[in-house]
Amino acid sequence: QVQLVESGGGWVQAGGLLKLSCRSNENIGSFDTLGWYRQAQGKQRELVAVWPRIGNSTYGEYVKGRFMMSKDYAQNSLNLHMMRLSPEDTAFYYCFVTIKRRQTAAEETYWGQGTQVTVSS
């Protein structure tokens, strides 16, 4: 049911800026958790950022102070603002959302298809 489509990936030089967007076909405010993962080639998936419905967003150790999320309710999108990018940030980025069932405590997770970010020196 939920569909997430990322955009904004591409090439950027070290120290530059890039904004990723994750657009949903559902109300972005209806999700219990929103966030981003990334996976560099040859490495395990790592959590970039997570934003619960109630509470502040949190960020991975390697992106703290450089990445920030925002919501665009008009576009039903979750954005990831990336600053002072490093070649170490090169990875495949994808967003996710979770929804709790109304009737039970069961949680459903949905994933976007991802977008590649490449940072050059």
C-alpha atoms as a PDB file:
ATOM      1  CA  GLN A   1       0.000   0.000   0.000  1.00  0.00           C
ATOM      2  CA  VAL A   2       2.617   2.511   1.062  1.00  0.00           C
ATOM      3  CA  GLN A   3       4.968   3.535  -1.723  1.00  0.00           C
ATOM      4  CA  LEU A   4       8.145   5.511  -1.145  1.00  0.00           C
ATOM      5  CA  VAL A   5      10.170   7.060  -3.936  1.00  0.00           C
ATOM      6  CA  GLU A   6      13.559   8.617  -3.322  1.00  0.00           C
ATOM      7  CA  SER A   7      15.122  11.316  -5.429  1.00  0.00           C
ATOM      8  CA  GLY A   8      17.991  13.759  -5.270  1.00  0.00           C
ATOM      9  CA  GLY A   9      20.884  11.365  -5.379  1.00  0.00           C
ATOM     10  CA  GLY A  10      23.843  11.923  -7.606  1.00  0.00           C
ATOM     11  CA  TRP A  11      27.391  13.167  -7.645  1.00  0.00           C
ATOM     12  CA  VAL A  12      28.742  15.899  -5.401  1.00  0.00           C
ATOM     13  CA  GLN A  13      32.221  17.060  -4.507  1.00  0.00           C
ATOM     14  CA  ALA A  14      33.593  16.755  -0.992  1.00  0.00           C
ATOM     15  CA  GLY A  15      32.398  19.510   1.286  1.00  0.00           C
ATOM     16  CA  GLY A  16      29.291  20.056  -0.777  1.00  0.00           C
ATOM     17  CA  LEU A  17      25.578  19.862  -0.095  1.00  0.00           C
ATOM     18  CA  LEU A  18      22.900  17.498  -1.261  1.00  0.00           C
ATOM     19  CA  LYS A  19      19.239  17.025  -0.456  1.00  0.00           C
ATOM     20  CA  LEU A  20      17.499  13.698  -0.748  1.00  0.00           C
ATOM     21  CA  SER A  21      13.737  13.429  -0.856  1.00  0.00           C
ATOM     22  CA  CYS A  22      11.490  10.514  -0.040  1.00  0.00           C
ATOM     23  CA  ARG A  23       8.004  11.054  -1.384  1.00  0.00           C
ATOM     24  CA  SER A  24       5.117   8.958  -0.134  1.00  0.00           C
ATOM     25  CA  ASN A  25       1.715   8.246  -1.602  1.00  0.00           C
ATOM     26  CA  GLU A  26       0.329   8.453   1.928  1.00  0.00           C
ATOM     27  CA  ASN A  27       0.123  11.250   4.441  1.00  0.00           C
ATOM     28  CA  ILE A  28       3.625  11.745   5.788  1.00  0.00           C
ATOM     29  CA  GLY A  29       2.144  12.646   9.156  1.00  0.00           C
ATOM     30  CA  SER A  30       0.458   9.286   9.515  1.00  0.00           C
ATOM     31  CA  PHE A  31       3.665   7.306   9.953  1.00  0.00           C
ATOM     32  CA  ASP A  32       4.910   6.315  13.373  1.00  0.00           C
ATOM     33  CA  THR A  33       8.563   6.375  12.407  1.00  0.00           C
ATOM     34  CA  LEU A  34      10.423   7.810   9.433  1.00  0.00           C
ATOM     35  CA  GLY A  35      14.076   7.662   8.578  1.00  0.00           C
ATOM     36  CA  TRP A  36      16.953   6.804   6.315  1.00  0.00           C
ATOM     37  CA  TYR A  37      19.411   3.984   5.942  1.00  0.00           C
ATOM     38  CA  ARG A  38      22.469   3.781   3.762  1.00  0.00           C
ATOM     39  CA  GLN A  39      24.688   1.013   2.520  1.00  0.00           C
ATOM     40  CA  ALA A  40      28.114   1.522   1.046  1.00  0.00           C
ATOM     41  CA  GLN A  41      29.474  -1.025  -1.364  1.00  0.00           C
ATOM     42  CA  GLY A  42      31.044  -3.877   0.541  1.00  0.00           C
ATOM     43  CA  LYS A  43      29.697  -2.690   3.875  1.00  0.00           C
ATOM     44  CA  GLN A  44      26.725  -3.475   6.045  1.00  0.00           C
ATOM     45  CA  ARG A  45      23.625  -1.352   6.128  1.00  0.00           C
ATOM     46  CA  GLU A  46      23.730   1.412   8.700  1.00  0.00           C
ATOM     47  CA  LEU A  47      21.103   3.680  10.140  1.00  0.00           C
ATOM     48  CA  VAL A  48      21.496   7.291   9.078  1.00  0.00           C
ATOM     49  CA  ALA A  49      18.598   8.936  10.848  1.00  0.00           C
ATOM     50  CA  VAL A  50      15.307   8.107  12.503  1.00  0.00           C
ATOM     51  CA  TRP A  51      12.384  10.346  13.387  1.00  0.00           C
ATOM     52  CA  PRO A  52       9.597   9.064  15.621  1.00  0.00           C
ATOM     53  CA  ARG A  53       6.138  10.581  15.589  1.00  0.00           C
ATOM     54  CA  ILE A  54       6.723  11.840  19.102  1.00  0.00           C
ATOM     55  CA  GLY A  55      10.171  13.022  19.990  1.00  0.00           C
ATOM     56  CA  ASN A  56      13.270  14.344  18.345  1.00  0.00           C
ATOM     57  CA  SER A  57      15.073  12.876  15.410  1.00  0.00           C
ATOM     58  CA  THR A  58      18.336  11.047  16.008  1.00  0.00           C
ATOM     59  CA  TYR A  59      21.313  10.546  13.763  1.00  0.00           C
ATOM     60  CA  GLY A  60      24.100   8.112  13.289  1.00  0.00           C
ATOM     61  CA  GLU A  61      27.446   8.921  14.831  1.00  0.00           C
ATOM     62  CA  TYR A  62      29.163   9.586  11.522  1.00  0.00           C
ATOM     63  CA  VAL A  63      26.539  12.057  10.277  1.00  0.00           C
ATOM     64  CA  LYS A  64      25.684  13.969  13.447  1.00  0.00           C
ATOM     65  CA  GLY A  65      25.946  17.689  12.927  1.00  0.00           C
ATOM     66  CA  ARG A  66      26.051  17.301   9.154  1.00  0.00           C
ATOM     67  CA  PHE A  67      22.737  15.699   8.235  1.00  0.00           C
ATOM     68  CA  MET A  68      19.270  16.925   9.098  1.00  0.00           C
ATOM     69  CA  MET A  69      15.798  15.718   8.240  1.00  0.00           C
ATOM     70  CA  SER A  70      12.738  17.780   7.439  1.00  0.00           C
ATOM     71  CA  LYS A  71       9.159  17.042   6.458  1.00  0.00           C
ATOM     72  CA  ASP A  72       7.247  18.584   3.610  1.00  0.00           C
ATOM     73  CA  TYR A  73       3.606  17.887   4.318  1.00  0.00           C
ATOM     74  CA  ALA A  74       2.420  19.503   1.106  1.00  0.00           C
ATOM     75  CA  GLN A  75       4.531  17.077  -0.902  1.00  0.00           C
ATOM     76  CA  ASN A  76       4.222  14.183   1.548  1.00  0.00           C
ATOM     77  CA  SER A  77       7.959  13.891   1.546  1.00  0.00           C
ATOM     78  CA  LEU A  78      10.722  13.268   4.031  1.00  0.00           C
ATOM     79  CA  ASN A  79      13.875  15.154   3.172  1.00  0.00           C
ATOM     80  CA  LEU A  80      17.448  14.505   4.192  1.00  0.00           C
ATOM     81  CA  HIS A  81      19.703  17.544   4.058  1.00  0.00           C
ATOM     82  CA  MET A  82      23.329  16.522   3.840  1.00  0.00           C
ATOM     83  CA  MET A  83      26.125  18.989   4.476  1.00  0.00           C
ATOM     84  CA  ARG A  84      29.908  18.893   4.456  1.00  0.00           C
ATOM     85  CA  LEU A  85      29.801  15.671   2.537  1.00  0.00           C
ATOM     86  CA  SER A  86      32.775  13.370   2.597  1.00  0.00           C
ATOM     87  CA  PRO A  87      33.765  10.516   0.285  1.00  0.00           C
ATOM     88  CA  GLU A  88      32.942   8.274   3.241  1.00  0.00           C
ATOM     89  CA  ASP A  89      29.304   9.264   2.767  1.00  0.00           C
ATOM     90  CA  THR A  90      29.236   7.561  -0.611  1.00  0.00           C
ATOM     91  CA  ALA A  91      26.515   4.945  -0.380  1.00  0.00           C
ATOM     92  CA  PHE A  92      23.127   3.829  -1.538  1.00  0.00           C
ATOM     93  CA  TYR A  93      20.552   5.710   0.513  1.00  0.00           C
ATOM     94  CA  TYR A  94      16.992   4.616   1.068  1.00  0.00           C
ATOM     95  CA  CYS A  95      14.183   5.803   3.268  1.00  0.00           C
ATOM     96  CA  PHE A  96      11.790   3.837   5.410  1.00  0.00           C
ATOM     97  CA  VAL A  97       8.607   4.366   7.364  1.00  0.00           C
ATOM     98  CA  THR A  98       6.811   2.299   9.943  1.00  0.00           C
ATOM     99  CA  ILE A  99       3.120   2.091  10.722  1.00  0.00           C
ATOM    100  CA  LYS A 100       1.539   0.525  13.761  1.00  0.00           C
ATOM    101  CA  ARG A 101      -1.725  -1.295  13.283  1.00  0.00           C
ATOM    102  CA  ARG A 102      -4.674   0.340  14.937  1.00  0.00           C
ATOM    103  CA  GLN A 103      -6.032  -2.936  16.251  1.00  0.00           C
ATOM    104  CA  THR A 104      -2.789  -4.505  17.434  1.00  0.00           C
ATOM    105  CA  ALA A 105       0.763  -3.581  18.305  1.00  0.00           C
ATOM    106  CA  ALA A 106       2.025  -5.084  15.059  1.00  0.00           C
ATOM    107  CA  GLU A 107       4.361  -2.827  13.109  1.00  0.00           C
ATOM    108  CA  GLU A 108       4.715  -2.643   9.343  1.00  0.00           C
ATOM    109  CA  THR A 109       7.822  -1.285   7.677  1.00  0.00           C
ATOM    110  CA  TYR A 110       8.020   0.064   4.139  1.00  0.00           C
ATOM    111  CA  TRP A 111      11.104   0.865   2.120  1.00  0.00           C
ATOM    112  CA  GLY A 112      11.932   3.063  -0.803  1.00  0.00           C
ATOM    113  CA  GLN A 113      13.910   1.853  -3.791  1.00  0.00           C
ATOM    114  CA  GLY A 114      16.914   3.959  -2.873  1.00  0.00           C
ATOM    115  CA  THR A 115      19.129   6.514  -4.532  1.00  0.00           C
ATOM    116  CA  GLN A 116      22.877   6.550  -5.024  1.00  0.00           C
ATOM    117  CA  VAL A 117      25.028   9.274  -3.509  1.00  0.00           C
ATOM    118  CA  THR A 118      28.606   9.578  -4.682  1.00  0.00           C
ATOM    119  CA  VAL A 119      30.997  12.047  -3.081  1.00  0.00           C
ATOM    120  CA  SER A 120      34.313  12.719  -4.775  1.00  0.00           C
ATOM    121  CA  SER A 121      37.450  14.345  -3.407  1.00  0.00           C
END
